[in-house]
N, C-alpha and C. Protein backbone atom coordinates (compact mmCIF):
# COMPACT_ATOMS: atom_id res chain seq x y z
N MET A 1 -26.42 20.55 1.41
CA MET A 1 -25.22 21.27 0.98
C MET A 1 -23.96 20.48 1.37
N PRO A 2 -22.93 20.48 0.54
CA PRO A 2 -21.70 19.77 0.89
C PRO A 2 -21.05 20.38 2.11
N GLU A 3 -20.39 19.56 2.91
CA GLU A 3 -19.70 20.04 4.08
C GLU A 3 -18.47 20.84 3.68
N SER A 4 -18.02 21.72 4.59
CA SER A 4 -16.86 22.55 4.29
C SER A 4 -15.63 21.67 4.11
N LEU A 5 -14.72 22.14 3.29
CA LEU A 5 -13.50 21.39 3.02
C LEU A 5 -12.53 21.52 4.18
N PRO A 6 -11.59 20.58 4.33
CA PRO A 6 -10.64 20.63 5.44
C PRO A 6 -9.70 21.81 5.32
N ARG A 7 -9.02 22.10 6.42
CA ARG A 7 -8.13 23.26 6.48
C ARG A 7 -6.94 23.09 5.55
N ALA A 8 -6.34 24.22 5.20
CA ALA A 8 -5.16 24.20 4.33
C ALA A 8 -3.96 23.65 5.07
N PRO A 9 -3.01 23.01 4.36
CA PRO A 9 -1.84 22.42 5.01
C PRO A 9 -0.82 23.47 5.39
N ARG A 10 0.05 23.12 6.31
CA ARG A 10 1.15 24.00 6.70
C ARG A 10 2.30 23.82 5.72
N ALA A 11 2.93 24.92 5.37
CA ALA A 11 4.07 24.85 4.45
C ALA A 11 5.29 24.31 5.18
N LYS A 12 6.05 23.46 4.51
CA LYS A 12 7.27 22.89 5.06
C LYS A 12 8.35 22.91 4.00
N THR A 13 9.59 22.78 4.43
CA THR A 13 10.69 22.66 3.49
C THR A 13 10.87 21.20 3.14
N ARG A 14 10.87 20.89 1.85
CA ARG A 14 10.94 19.51 1.42
C ARG A 14 12.32 19.17 0.87
N PRO A 15 12.71 17.90 0.94
CA PRO A 15 13.99 17.49 0.38
C PRO A 15 13.99 17.58 -1.13
N LYS A 16 15.18 17.58 -1.73
CA LYS A 16 15.29 17.61 -3.18
C LYS A 16 14.72 16.33 -3.78
N PRO A 17 14.14 16.43 -4.99
CA PRO A 17 13.56 15.24 -5.62
C PRO A 17 14.63 14.24 -5.98
N ARG A 18 14.26 12.97 -5.95
CA ARG A 18 15.19 11.90 -6.32
C ARG A 18 14.59 11.11 -7.47
N LEU A 19 15.41 10.81 -8.46
CA LEU A 19 14.96 10.00 -9.57
C LEU A 19 14.86 8.55 -9.15
N HIS A 20 13.91 7.84 -9.70
CA HIS A 20 13.72 6.44 -9.34
C HIS A 20 14.76 5.52 -9.99
N GLY A 21 15.42 5.99 -11.06
CA GLY A 21 16.45 5.18 -11.68
C GLY A 21 15.88 4.16 -12.65
N ASN A 22 16.80 3.42 -13.31
CA ASN A 22 16.43 2.38 -14.27
C ASN A 22 15.57 2.92 -15.42
N GLY A 23 15.70 4.23 -15.70
CA GLY A 23 14.96 4.81 -16.80
C GLY A 23 13.49 5.08 -16.51
N ARG A 24 13.03 4.74 -15.31
CA ARG A 24 11.61 4.90 -15.00
C ARG A 24 11.31 6.33 -14.55
N MET A 25 10.24 6.89 -15.08
CA MET A 25 9.78 8.22 -14.68
C MET A 25 8.33 8.15 -14.27
N ARG A 26 8.01 8.80 -13.17
CA ARG A 26 6.63 8.84 -12.71
C ARG A 26 6.27 10.31 -12.50
N ILE A 27 5.36 10.80 -13.34
CA ILE A 27 4.98 12.21 -13.32
C ILE A 27 3.52 12.31 -12.90
N ALA A 28 3.25 13.11 -11.88
CA ALA A 28 1.88 13.33 -11.43
C ALA A 28 1.29 14.52 -12.16
N LEU A 29 0.13 14.31 -12.76
CA LEU A 29 -0.65 15.40 -13.35
C LEU A 29 -1.83 15.64 -12.41
N THR A 30 -1.90 16.82 -11.83
CA THR A 30 -2.92 17.07 -10.83
C THR A 30 -3.47 18.47 -10.97
N GLY A 31 -4.29 18.88 -10.02
CA GLY A 31 -4.92 20.19 -10.05
C GLY A 31 -6.38 20.07 -9.67
N GLY A 32 -7.04 21.21 -9.56
CA GLY A 32 -8.45 21.20 -9.21
C GLY A 32 -9.31 20.60 -10.31
N PRO A 33 -10.56 20.28 -9.99
CA PRO A 33 -11.46 19.71 -11.00
C PRO A 33 -11.60 20.64 -12.21
N GLY A 34 -11.64 20.05 -13.40
CA GLY A 34 -11.83 20.84 -14.61
C GLY A 34 -10.60 21.58 -15.06
N GLY A 35 -9.42 20.99 -14.84
CA GLY A 35 -8.18 21.66 -15.23
C GLY A 35 -7.62 21.23 -16.58
N GLY A 36 -8.06 20.07 -17.07
CA GLY A 36 -7.57 19.60 -18.36
C GLY A 36 -6.46 18.57 -18.29
N LYS A 37 -6.15 18.09 -17.10
CA LYS A 37 -5.04 17.15 -16.94
C LYS A 37 -5.30 15.81 -17.66
N THR A 38 -6.52 15.32 -17.61
CA THR A 38 -6.84 14.05 -18.26
C THR A 38 -6.68 14.18 -19.78
N THR A 39 -7.13 15.29 -20.33
CA THR A 39 -6.97 15.54 -21.77
C THR A 39 -5.49 15.61 -22.13
N ALA A 40 -4.70 16.32 -21.31
CA ALA A 40 -3.27 16.45 -21.58
C ALA A 40 -2.57 15.10 -21.55
N ALA A 41 -2.91 14.27 -20.58
CA ALA A 41 -2.29 12.94 -20.47
C ALA A 41 -2.60 12.10 -21.70
N ASP A 42 -3.86 12.14 -22.14
CA ASP A 42 -4.25 11.34 -23.30
C ASP A 42 -3.56 11.83 -24.58
N LEU A 43 -3.49 13.15 -24.76
CA LEU A 43 -2.84 13.70 -25.94
C LEU A 43 -1.35 13.39 -25.96
N PHE A 44 -0.70 13.47 -24.79
CA PHE A 44 0.73 13.18 -24.74
C PHE A 44 0.99 11.71 -25.05
N ARG A 45 0.13 10.84 -24.54
CA ARG A 45 0.28 9.41 -24.85
C ARG A 45 0.12 9.17 -26.35
N ARG A 46 -0.85 9.83 -26.96
CA ARG A 46 -1.06 9.67 -28.40
C ARG A 46 0.15 10.18 -29.19
N GLU A 47 0.75 11.26 -28.71
CA GLU A 47 1.88 11.87 -29.41
C GLU A 47 3.14 11.01 -29.29
N ILE A 48 3.41 10.51 -28.09
CA ILE A 48 4.65 9.79 -27.82
C ILE A 48 4.52 8.31 -28.12
N GLY A 49 3.33 7.75 -27.90
CA GLY A 49 3.11 6.34 -28.21
C GLY A 49 3.49 5.41 -27.08
N ASP A 50 4.16 4.32 -27.40
CA ASP A 50 4.41 3.25 -26.44
C ASP A 50 5.37 3.63 -25.32
N ASP A 51 6.05 4.77 -25.43
CA ASP A 51 6.94 5.20 -24.36
C ASP A 51 6.17 5.69 -23.14
N VAL A 52 4.88 5.93 -23.30
CA VAL A 52 4.06 6.52 -22.24
C VAL A 52 2.97 5.55 -21.80
N VAL A 53 2.79 5.45 -20.49
CA VAL A 53 1.69 4.70 -19.90
C VAL A 53 0.91 5.65 -19.00
N VAL A 54 -0.39 5.78 -19.24
CA VAL A 54 -1.23 6.65 -18.42
C VAL A 54 -1.86 5.83 -17.30
N VAL A 55 -1.68 6.29 -16.08
CA VAL A 55 -2.36 5.68 -14.93
C VAL A 55 -3.66 6.44 -14.73
N PRO A 56 -4.82 5.82 -14.93
CA PRO A 56 -6.09 6.55 -14.87
C PRO A 56 -6.41 7.04 -13.47
N GLU A 57 -7.30 8.01 -13.40
CA GLU A 57 -7.70 8.58 -12.11
C GLU A 57 -8.50 7.54 -11.32
N ALA A 58 -8.00 7.19 -10.15
CA ALA A 58 -8.64 6.16 -9.34
C ALA A 58 -10.06 6.56 -8.92
N ALA A 59 -10.27 7.83 -8.59
CA ALA A 59 -11.59 8.27 -8.14
C ALA A 59 -12.63 8.05 -9.22
N THR A 60 -12.29 8.38 -10.47
CA THR A 60 -13.23 8.18 -11.57
C THR A 60 -13.54 6.70 -11.77
N LEU A 61 -12.51 5.86 -11.68
CA LEU A 61 -12.73 4.42 -11.81
C LEU A 61 -13.68 3.89 -10.74
N LEU A 62 -13.46 4.33 -9.51
CA LEU A 62 -14.28 3.83 -8.41
C LEU A 62 -15.72 4.34 -8.47
N PHE A 63 -15.86 5.66 -8.59
CA PHE A 63 -17.19 6.24 -8.51
C PHE A 63 -18.03 5.95 -9.75
N SER A 64 -17.39 5.81 -10.92
CA SER A 64 -18.14 5.45 -12.11
C SER A 64 -18.44 3.96 -12.14
N GLY A 65 -17.72 3.19 -11.32
CA GLY A 65 -17.93 1.75 -11.28
C GLY A 65 -18.92 1.29 -10.23
N GLY A 66 -19.53 2.25 -9.52
CA GLY A 66 -20.57 1.88 -8.57
C GLY A 66 -20.24 2.14 -7.11
N PHE A 67 -19.00 2.57 -6.81
CA PHE A 67 -18.68 2.90 -5.41
C PHE A 67 -19.53 4.09 -5.00
N PRO A 68 -20.28 3.98 -3.90
CA PRO A 68 -21.20 5.07 -3.53
C PRO A 68 -20.45 6.33 -3.12
N ARG A 69 -20.95 7.46 -3.57
CA ARG A 69 -20.36 8.74 -3.21
C ARG A 69 -21.38 9.51 -2.39
N VAL A 70 -21.23 9.44 -1.07
CA VAL A 70 -22.18 10.02 -0.13
C VAL A 70 -21.48 11.11 0.66
N ASP A 71 -22.16 12.24 0.86
CA ASP A 71 -21.52 13.39 1.49
C ASP A 71 -21.75 13.40 3.00
N THR A 72 -21.22 12.37 3.67
CA THR A 72 -21.12 12.38 5.13
C THR A 72 -19.66 12.15 5.46
N GLU A 73 -19.26 12.52 6.67
CA GLU A 73 -17.84 12.40 7.02
C GLU A 73 -17.36 10.96 6.93
N GLN A 74 -18.13 10.03 7.44
CA GLN A 74 -17.72 8.63 7.40
C GLN A 74 -17.59 8.13 5.97
N ALA A 75 -18.57 8.50 5.12
CA ALA A 75 -18.53 8.07 3.72
C ALA A 75 -17.37 8.72 2.98
N ARG A 76 -17.08 9.98 3.26
CA ARG A 76 -15.96 10.66 2.61
C ARG A 76 -14.64 10.01 3.01
N ARG A 77 -14.50 9.66 4.27
CA ARG A 77 -13.27 8.98 4.70
C ARG A 77 -13.13 7.64 4.00
N ALA A 78 -14.22 6.86 3.95
CA ALA A 78 -14.16 5.55 3.30
C ALA A 78 -13.84 5.70 1.82
N GLY A 79 -14.46 6.68 1.18
CA GLY A 79 -14.22 6.88 -0.25
C GLY A 79 -12.79 7.29 -0.55
N GLN A 80 -12.26 8.23 0.22
CA GLN A 80 -10.89 8.69 -0.03
C GLN A 80 -9.85 7.64 0.35
N ALA A 81 -10.14 6.82 1.35
CA ALA A 81 -9.24 5.71 1.67
C ALA A 81 -9.18 4.73 0.50
N ALA A 82 -10.34 4.44 -0.07
CA ALA A 82 -10.39 3.53 -1.23
C ALA A 82 -9.63 4.13 -2.41
N VAL A 83 -9.82 5.41 -2.67
CA VAL A 83 -9.13 6.09 -3.77
C VAL A 83 -7.63 6.04 -3.57
N PHE A 84 -7.17 6.31 -2.35
CA PHE A 84 -5.73 6.30 -2.07
C PHE A 84 -5.11 4.94 -2.40
N HIS A 85 -5.72 3.88 -1.91
CA HIS A 85 -5.13 2.55 -2.10
C HIS A 85 -5.22 2.09 -3.56
N VAL A 86 -6.32 2.42 -4.24
CA VAL A 86 -6.42 2.05 -5.65
C VAL A 86 -5.39 2.84 -6.47
N GLN A 87 -5.26 4.15 -6.20
CA GLN A 87 -4.29 4.96 -6.92
C GLN A 87 -2.87 4.42 -6.72
N LYS A 88 -2.52 4.17 -5.48
CA LYS A 88 -1.17 3.68 -5.16
C LYS A 88 -0.89 2.35 -5.86
N ASN A 89 -1.84 1.44 -5.80
CA ASN A 89 -1.60 0.12 -6.39
C ASN A 89 -1.65 0.15 -7.92
N LEU A 90 -2.46 1.01 -8.50
CA LEU A 90 -2.45 1.17 -9.95
C LEU A 90 -1.08 1.64 -10.42
N GLU A 91 -0.54 2.65 -9.73
CA GLU A 91 0.78 3.16 -10.10
C GLU A 91 1.84 2.08 -9.95
N ASP A 92 1.79 1.34 -8.86
CA ASP A 92 2.82 0.33 -8.62
C ASP A 92 2.73 -0.82 -9.63
N VAL A 93 1.51 -1.21 -9.98
CA VAL A 93 1.35 -2.28 -10.97
C VAL A 93 1.89 -1.83 -12.32
N GLN A 94 1.56 -0.61 -12.74
CA GLN A 94 2.03 -0.13 -14.03
C GLN A 94 3.55 0.08 -14.03
N SER A 95 4.11 0.49 -12.91
CA SER A 95 5.57 0.62 -12.81
C SER A 95 6.24 -0.73 -12.97
N ALA A 96 5.65 -1.75 -12.37
CA ALA A 96 6.22 -3.09 -12.48
C ALA A 96 6.07 -3.65 -13.89
N ARG A 97 4.96 -3.36 -14.53
CA ARG A 97 4.73 -3.88 -15.88
C ARG A 97 5.58 -3.17 -16.93
N PHE A 98 5.80 -1.88 -16.73
CA PHE A 98 6.49 -1.08 -17.75
C PHE A 98 7.63 -0.28 -17.11
N PRO A 99 8.69 -0.97 -16.66
CA PRO A 99 9.75 -0.30 -15.90
C PRO A 99 10.53 0.75 -16.68
N GLY A 100 10.54 0.68 -18.01
CA GLY A 100 11.32 1.62 -18.79
C GLY A 100 10.51 2.73 -19.42
N ARG A 101 9.24 2.85 -19.04
CA ARG A 101 8.37 3.82 -19.69
C ARG A 101 8.04 5.00 -18.78
N ILE A 102 7.48 6.03 -19.40
CA ILE A 102 7.05 7.22 -18.68
C ILE A 102 5.65 6.97 -18.12
N LEU A 103 5.50 7.06 -16.82
CA LEU A 103 4.18 6.93 -16.21
C LEU A 103 3.59 8.31 -15.99
N LEU A 104 2.48 8.61 -16.66
CA LEU A 104 1.74 9.83 -16.41
C LEU A 104 0.56 9.47 -15.52
N CYS A 105 0.60 9.94 -14.29
CA CYS A 105 -0.41 9.58 -13.31
C CYS A 105 -1.49 10.66 -13.25
N ASP A 106 -2.71 10.28 -13.61
CA ASP A 106 -3.85 11.19 -13.54
C ASP A 106 -4.23 11.33 -12.08
N ARG A 107 -3.70 12.36 -11.45
CA ARG A 107 -3.72 12.61 -10.01
C ARG A 107 -2.66 11.75 -9.32
N GLY A 108 -2.50 11.99 -8.01
CA GLY A 108 -1.51 11.27 -7.23
C GLY A 108 -2.07 10.87 -5.88
N THR A 109 -1.29 10.15 -5.12
CA THR A 109 -1.76 9.63 -3.84
C THR A 109 -1.99 10.72 -2.80
N ILE A 110 -1.49 11.91 -3.03
CA ILE A 110 -1.63 13.01 -2.08
C ILE A 110 -3.01 13.66 -2.16
N ASP A 111 -3.65 13.55 -3.31
CA ASP A 111 -4.84 14.36 -3.56
C ASP A 111 -5.98 14.12 -2.57
N GLY A 112 -6.07 12.92 -2.05
CA GLY A 112 -7.15 12.63 -1.11
C GLY A 112 -7.13 13.47 0.14
N ALA A 113 -5.96 14.00 0.49
CA ALA A 113 -5.85 14.84 1.69
C ALA A 113 -6.72 16.10 1.57
N ALA A 114 -6.91 16.59 0.34
CA ALA A 114 -7.71 17.79 0.14
C ALA A 114 -9.19 17.54 0.37
N TYR A 115 -9.61 16.28 0.30
CA TYR A 115 -11.01 15.92 0.48
C TYR A 115 -11.29 15.34 1.87
N TRP A 116 -10.26 15.07 2.62
CA TRP A 116 -10.40 14.39 3.91
C TRP A 116 -11.01 15.34 4.94
N PRO A 117 -12.04 14.93 5.68
CA PRO A 117 -12.73 15.86 6.59
C PRO A 117 -11.84 16.47 7.65
N GLU A 118 -10.89 15.70 8.18
CA GLU A 118 -10.07 16.19 9.29
C GLU A 118 -8.74 16.80 8.85
N GLY A 119 -8.49 16.89 7.55
CA GLY A 119 -7.29 17.57 7.09
C GLY A 119 -6.09 16.66 6.85
N GLU A 120 -4.98 17.30 6.51
CA GLU A 120 -3.78 16.61 6.04
C GLU A 120 -3.21 15.59 7.01
N GLU A 121 -2.92 16.01 8.23
CA GLU A 121 -2.23 15.12 9.17
C GLU A 121 -3.05 13.87 9.46
N ASP A 122 -4.35 14.05 9.66
CA ASP A 122 -5.20 12.90 9.96
C ASP A 122 -5.30 11.97 8.75
N PHE A 123 -5.33 12.54 7.53
CA PHE A 123 -5.40 11.71 6.32
C PHE A 123 -4.17 10.81 6.22
N PHE A 124 -2.99 11.39 6.30
CA PHE A 124 -1.78 10.58 6.13
C PHE A 124 -1.59 9.60 7.29
N SER A 125 -2.01 9.99 8.48
CA SER A 125 -1.95 9.06 9.61
C SER A 125 -2.87 7.86 9.37
N ALA A 126 -4.07 8.13 8.85
CA ALA A 126 -5.02 7.05 8.58
C ALA A 126 -4.52 6.14 7.47
N MET A 127 -3.75 6.68 6.53
CA MET A 127 -3.21 5.89 5.43
C MET A 127 -1.89 5.21 5.80
N GLY A 128 -1.37 5.49 7.00
CA GLY A 128 -0.12 4.87 7.44
C GLY A 128 1.10 5.40 6.74
N THR A 129 1.10 6.70 6.40
CA THR A 129 2.22 7.28 5.66
C THR A 129 2.34 8.75 6.05
N ASP A 130 3.10 9.51 5.27
CA ASP A 130 3.17 10.96 5.48
C ASP A 130 3.37 11.65 4.14
N LEU A 131 3.30 12.97 4.15
CA LEU A 131 3.38 13.74 2.92
C LEU A 131 4.72 13.55 2.23
N ASP A 132 5.81 13.55 2.98
CA ASP A 132 7.13 13.38 2.37
C ASP A 132 7.24 12.07 1.61
N ALA A 133 6.74 10.99 2.21
CA ALA A 133 6.83 9.68 1.57
C ALA A 133 6.03 9.64 0.28
N GLN A 134 4.89 10.32 0.25
CA GLN A 134 4.07 10.31 -0.96
C GLN A 134 4.63 11.23 -2.03
N LEU A 135 5.20 12.36 -1.64
CA LEU A 135 5.87 13.21 -2.62
C LEU A 135 7.03 12.47 -3.28
N ALA A 136 7.72 11.65 -2.50
CA ALA A 136 8.89 10.92 -3.01
C ALA A 136 8.51 9.86 -4.04
N ARG A 137 7.23 9.56 -4.18
CA ARG A 137 6.81 8.57 -5.18
C ARG A 137 6.94 9.11 -6.60
N TYR A 138 7.06 10.43 -6.75
CA TYR A 138 7.00 11.04 -8.07
C TYR A 138 8.31 11.73 -8.40
N ASP A 139 8.58 11.79 -9.71
CA ASP A 139 9.78 12.48 -10.19
C ASP A 139 9.50 13.93 -10.56
N ALA A 140 8.24 14.25 -10.79
CA ALA A 140 7.86 15.61 -11.15
C ALA A 140 6.35 15.75 -10.97
N VAL A 141 5.91 17.01 -10.85
CA VAL A 141 4.49 17.31 -10.68
C VAL A 141 4.13 18.42 -11.65
N ILE A 142 3.07 18.21 -12.44
CA ILE A 142 2.57 19.25 -13.32
C ILE A 142 1.14 19.54 -12.91
N PHE A 143 0.91 20.78 -12.51
CA PHE A 143 -0.35 21.18 -11.88
C PHE A 143 -1.18 22.01 -12.86
N PHE A 144 -2.37 21.51 -13.21
CA PHE A 144 -3.28 22.20 -14.13
C PHE A 144 -4.34 22.95 -13.31
N GLU A 145 -4.30 24.26 -13.38
CA GLU A 145 -5.25 25.07 -12.63
C GLU A 145 -6.67 24.87 -13.15
N THR A 146 -7.63 24.79 -12.25
CA THR A 146 -9.02 24.60 -12.64
C THR A 146 -9.55 25.79 -13.43
N ALA A 147 -10.42 25.52 -14.39
CA ALA A 147 -11.08 26.60 -15.14
C ALA A 147 -12.02 27.40 -14.25
N ALA A 148 -12.40 26.81 -13.11
CA ALA A 148 -13.27 27.52 -12.18
C ALA A 148 -12.58 28.75 -11.59
N ALA A 149 -11.24 28.78 -11.64
CA ALA A 149 -10.50 29.94 -11.14
C ALA A 149 -10.84 31.20 -11.93
N ALA A 150 -11.31 31.03 -13.17
CA ALA A 150 -11.72 32.16 -14.00
C ALA A 150 -13.23 32.36 -13.97
N GLY A 151 -13.90 31.71 -13.03
CA GLY A 151 -15.34 31.87 -12.90
C GLY A 151 -16.16 30.98 -13.80
N LEU A 152 -15.53 29.99 -14.45
CA LEU A 152 -16.25 29.12 -15.37
C LEU A 152 -16.85 27.93 -14.62
N GLU A 153 -18.00 27.47 -15.07
CA GLU A 153 -18.62 26.29 -14.50
C GLU A 153 -17.91 25.05 -15.03
N ILE A 154 -17.81 24.00 -14.20
CA ILE A 154 -17.10 22.79 -14.60
C ILE A 154 -17.99 21.55 -14.59
N LEU A 155 -19.25 21.69 -14.19
CA LEU A 155 -20.11 20.52 -14.04
C LEU A 155 -20.48 19.87 -15.37
N GLU A 156 -20.37 20.64 -16.47
CA GLU A 156 -20.70 20.09 -17.77
C GLU A 156 -19.44 19.72 -18.54
N SER A 157 -18.51 19.12 -17.84
CA SER A 157 -17.21 18.79 -18.43
C SER A 157 -17.19 17.44 -19.13
N GLY A 158 -18.26 16.66 -18.96
CA GLY A 158 -18.29 15.33 -19.56
C GLY A 158 -17.92 14.23 -18.60
N ASN A 159 -17.50 14.57 -17.38
CA ASN A 159 -17.17 13.57 -16.37
C ASN A 159 -18.35 13.48 -15.40
N PRO A 160 -19.16 12.41 -15.47
CA PRO A 160 -20.36 12.33 -14.64
C PRO A 160 -20.08 12.17 -13.15
N THR A 161 -18.84 11.83 -12.78
CA THR A 161 -18.52 11.66 -11.36
C THR A 161 -18.14 12.98 -10.71
N ARG A 162 -18.04 14.05 -11.49
CA ARG A 162 -17.65 15.34 -10.93
C ARG A 162 -18.88 16.03 -10.34
N ILE A 163 -18.83 16.34 -9.05
CA ILE A 163 -19.98 16.92 -8.38
C ILE A 163 -19.66 18.26 -7.74
N GLU A 164 -18.40 18.72 -7.85
CA GLU A 164 -18.01 19.94 -7.17
C GLU A 164 -18.62 21.18 -7.83
N SER A 165 -19.02 22.12 -7.01
CA SER A 165 -19.47 23.40 -7.53
C SER A 165 -18.25 24.21 -7.95
N ARG A 166 -18.49 25.35 -8.58
CA ARG A 166 -17.39 26.22 -9.00
C ARG A 166 -16.56 26.66 -7.81
N ASP A 167 -17.20 27.10 -6.72
CA ASP A 167 -16.46 27.56 -5.55
C ASP A 167 -15.68 26.42 -4.90
N GLU A 168 -16.27 25.24 -4.85
CA GLU A 168 -15.57 24.10 -4.28
C GLU A 168 -14.37 23.72 -5.12
N ALA A 169 -14.50 23.81 -6.44
CA ALA A 169 -13.38 23.49 -7.34
C ALA A 169 -12.22 24.45 -7.11
N VAL A 170 -12.52 25.73 -6.92
CA VAL A 170 -11.46 26.72 -6.66
C VAL A 170 -10.77 26.42 -5.33
N GLU A 171 -11.56 26.12 -4.30
CA GLU A 171 -10.98 25.84 -2.99
C GLU A 171 -10.12 24.58 -3.03
N LEU A 172 -10.59 23.55 -3.71
CA LEU A 172 -9.80 22.33 -3.85
C LEU A 172 -8.51 22.59 -4.62
N ASP A 173 -8.59 23.40 -5.66
CA ASP A 173 -7.43 23.74 -6.46
C ASP A 173 -6.36 24.41 -5.60
N LEU A 174 -6.77 25.37 -4.79
CA LEU A 174 -5.83 26.08 -3.93
C LEU A 174 -5.22 25.15 -2.88
N ARG A 175 -6.06 24.28 -2.33
CA ARG A 175 -5.58 23.37 -1.30
C ARG A 175 -4.58 22.36 -1.88
N LEU A 176 -4.91 21.80 -3.03
CA LEU A 176 -4.01 20.85 -3.68
C LEU A 176 -2.68 21.51 -4.05
N ARG A 177 -2.75 22.76 -4.48
CA ARG A 177 -1.51 23.46 -4.86
C ARG A 177 -0.61 23.65 -3.64
N GLN A 178 -1.20 23.88 -2.47
CA GLN A 178 -0.39 24.02 -1.26
C GLN A 178 0.39 22.75 -0.96
N TYR A 179 -0.21 21.60 -1.21
CA TYR A 179 0.50 20.34 -1.01
C TYR A 179 1.61 20.16 -2.05
N TRP A 180 1.22 20.21 -3.31
CA TRP A 180 2.13 19.80 -4.38
C TRP A 180 3.24 20.80 -4.65
N LYS A 181 3.02 22.08 -4.40
CA LYS A 181 4.06 23.06 -4.72
C LYS A 181 5.27 22.95 -3.80
N GLN A 182 5.14 22.15 -2.75
CA GLN A 182 6.28 21.92 -1.87
C GLN A 182 7.31 20.98 -2.50
N TYR A 183 6.92 20.36 -3.62
CA TYR A 183 7.86 19.50 -4.33
C TYR A 183 8.74 20.36 -5.22
N PRO A 184 10.06 20.17 -5.19
CA PRO A 184 10.96 21.06 -5.94
C PRO A 184 10.73 21.07 -7.45
N ARG A 185 10.41 19.92 -8.04
CA ARG A 185 10.21 19.87 -9.49
C ARG A 185 8.71 19.98 -9.77
N PHE A 186 8.21 21.22 -9.64
CA PHE A 186 6.79 21.52 -9.73
C PHE A 186 6.57 22.51 -10.87
N VAL A 187 5.64 22.20 -11.77
CA VAL A 187 5.31 23.09 -12.89
C VAL A 187 3.84 23.46 -12.79
N PHE A 188 3.56 24.76 -12.86
CA PHE A 188 2.18 25.25 -12.77
C PHE A 188 1.68 25.64 -14.15
N VAL A 189 0.55 25.08 -14.54
CA VAL A 189 -0.08 25.39 -15.83
C VAL A 189 -1.33 26.22 -15.52
N PRO A 190 -1.27 27.54 -15.73
CA PRO A 190 -2.40 28.39 -15.35
C PRO A 190 -3.57 28.27 -16.31
N HIS A 191 -4.73 28.70 -15.82
CA HIS A 191 -5.89 28.75 -16.70
C HIS A 191 -5.63 29.72 -17.85
N ASN A 192 -6.18 29.40 -19.00
CA ASN A 192 -6.09 30.26 -20.17
C ASN A 192 -7.46 30.31 -20.83
N PRO A 193 -7.93 31.48 -21.25
CA PRO A 193 -9.22 31.54 -21.93
C PRO A 193 -9.30 30.60 -23.13
N SER A 194 -8.14 30.32 -23.73
CA SER A 194 -8.07 29.36 -24.82
C SER A 194 -7.64 28.01 -24.26
N PHE A 195 -8.55 27.04 -24.28
CA PHE A 195 -8.20 25.72 -23.78
C PHE A 195 -7.08 25.11 -24.61
N PHE A 196 -7.10 25.38 -25.91
CA PHE A 196 -6.05 24.88 -26.80
C PHE A 196 -4.68 25.39 -26.35
N LYS A 197 -4.59 26.69 -26.04
CA LYS A 197 -3.31 27.26 -25.61
C LYS A 197 -2.88 26.68 -24.27
N LYS A 198 -3.84 26.47 -23.39
CA LYS A 198 -3.51 25.89 -22.09
C LYS A 198 -2.96 24.47 -22.25
N ILE A 199 -3.64 23.65 -23.04
CA ILE A 199 -3.19 22.28 -23.24
C ILE A 199 -1.85 22.26 -23.96
N THR A 200 -1.66 23.16 -24.92
CA THR A 200 -0.38 23.23 -25.62
C THR A 200 0.75 23.54 -24.65
N PHE A 201 0.50 24.49 -23.74
CA PHE A 201 1.50 24.82 -22.72
C PHE A 201 1.74 23.62 -21.80
N GLY A 202 0.65 22.94 -21.43
CA GLY A 202 0.79 21.77 -20.57
C GLY A 202 1.59 20.67 -21.22
N LEU A 203 1.32 20.41 -22.51
CA LEU A 203 2.05 19.38 -23.24
C LEU A 203 3.53 19.74 -23.36
N ALA A 204 3.82 21.02 -23.63
CA ALA A 204 5.21 21.46 -23.71
C ALA A 204 5.90 21.30 -22.36
N SER A 205 5.17 21.52 -21.27
CA SER A 205 5.73 21.35 -19.93
C SER A 205 6.07 19.89 -19.67
N ILE A 206 5.17 18.99 -20.06
CA ILE A 206 5.43 17.56 -19.88
C ILE A 206 6.66 17.16 -20.69
N GLU A 207 6.72 17.62 -21.93
CA GLU A 207 7.85 17.28 -22.80
C GLU A 207 9.17 17.78 -22.21
N SER A 208 9.15 19.00 -21.67
CA SER A 208 10.37 19.56 -21.07
C SER A 208 10.80 18.78 -19.84
N ILE A 209 9.82 18.42 -18.99
CA ILE A 209 10.14 17.64 -17.80
C ILE A 209 10.73 16.29 -18.16
N VAL A 210 10.14 15.63 -19.16
CA VAL A 210 10.63 14.33 -19.59
C VAL A 210 12.07 14.45 -20.09
N ALA A 211 12.37 15.50 -20.85
CA ALA A 211 13.73 15.70 -21.34
C ALA A 211 14.70 15.91 -20.19
N GLN A 212 14.29 16.69 -19.17
CA GLN A 212 15.15 16.90 -18.01
C GLN A 212 15.40 15.62 -17.25
N LEU A 213 14.33 14.85 -17.06
CA LEU A 213 14.45 13.60 -16.31
C LEU A 213 15.33 12.59 -17.05
N ARG A 214 15.15 12.52 -18.37
CA ARG A 214 15.99 11.61 -19.14
C ARG A 214 17.45 12.01 -19.04
N SER A 215 17.71 13.29 -19.06
CA SER A 215 19.08 13.76 -18.92
C SER A 215 19.64 13.40 -17.56
N GLY A 216 18.80 13.56 -16.52
CA GLY A 216 19.24 13.23 -15.16
C GLY A 216 19.47 11.75 -14.99
N VAL A 217 18.58 10.92 -15.57
CA VAL A 217 18.74 9.48 -15.48
C VAL A 217 20.02 9.05 -16.17
N ALA A 218 20.31 9.70 -17.30
CA ALA A 218 21.51 9.33 -18.06
C ALA A 218 22.78 9.60 -17.27
N GLU A 219 22.70 10.57 -16.32
CA GLU A 219 23.87 10.92 -15.54
C GLU A 219 24.06 10.04 -14.33
N ILE A 220 23.05 9.27 -13.98
CA ILE A 220 23.15 8.43 -12.78
C ILE A 220 24.05 7.23 -13.04
């Protein structure tokens, strides 16, 4: 059986979000497993075209590429450390390559804290950073609630690296939301019995955030 997930984070007051400037936008799409964020990112890229660059989910790249996924504390720490550094560097490389484009990040550098055996503080200490510094990497956060919140199974989602049970997906979703909702520019996309309606709402949320950010950048 999988080990219990780490404790929930403590709520804190966070500073106001800051735009990165130079027309660059970095938006984190996150949420529990089976939320639809990857689908939303791909559809938005198809709709907008070259203005959008999708940063793929580091965990999927690693685990589908042969990185072992073993459910022991040492292996979980090693795996999440690898995911953190790959995610961070993927984002930074794409930011450098496409400074004027919208970066849609499939998950963010904070997400590993929800999987870390010893919890939030130990995770960020091990990564040599803190929650505030990682929140500051993004201009906005759009959170897609897991379908498991409605009692639906997520293991047959088409992602072979997904191993979480329904209950684990719900717990991860709640834990991730505690981290990300501390960011002022946070949008929650709830589960909907109609996946089409949920994705439509998610896409409209991304479009609205991009319009707000462009307006803010124009004022700088």
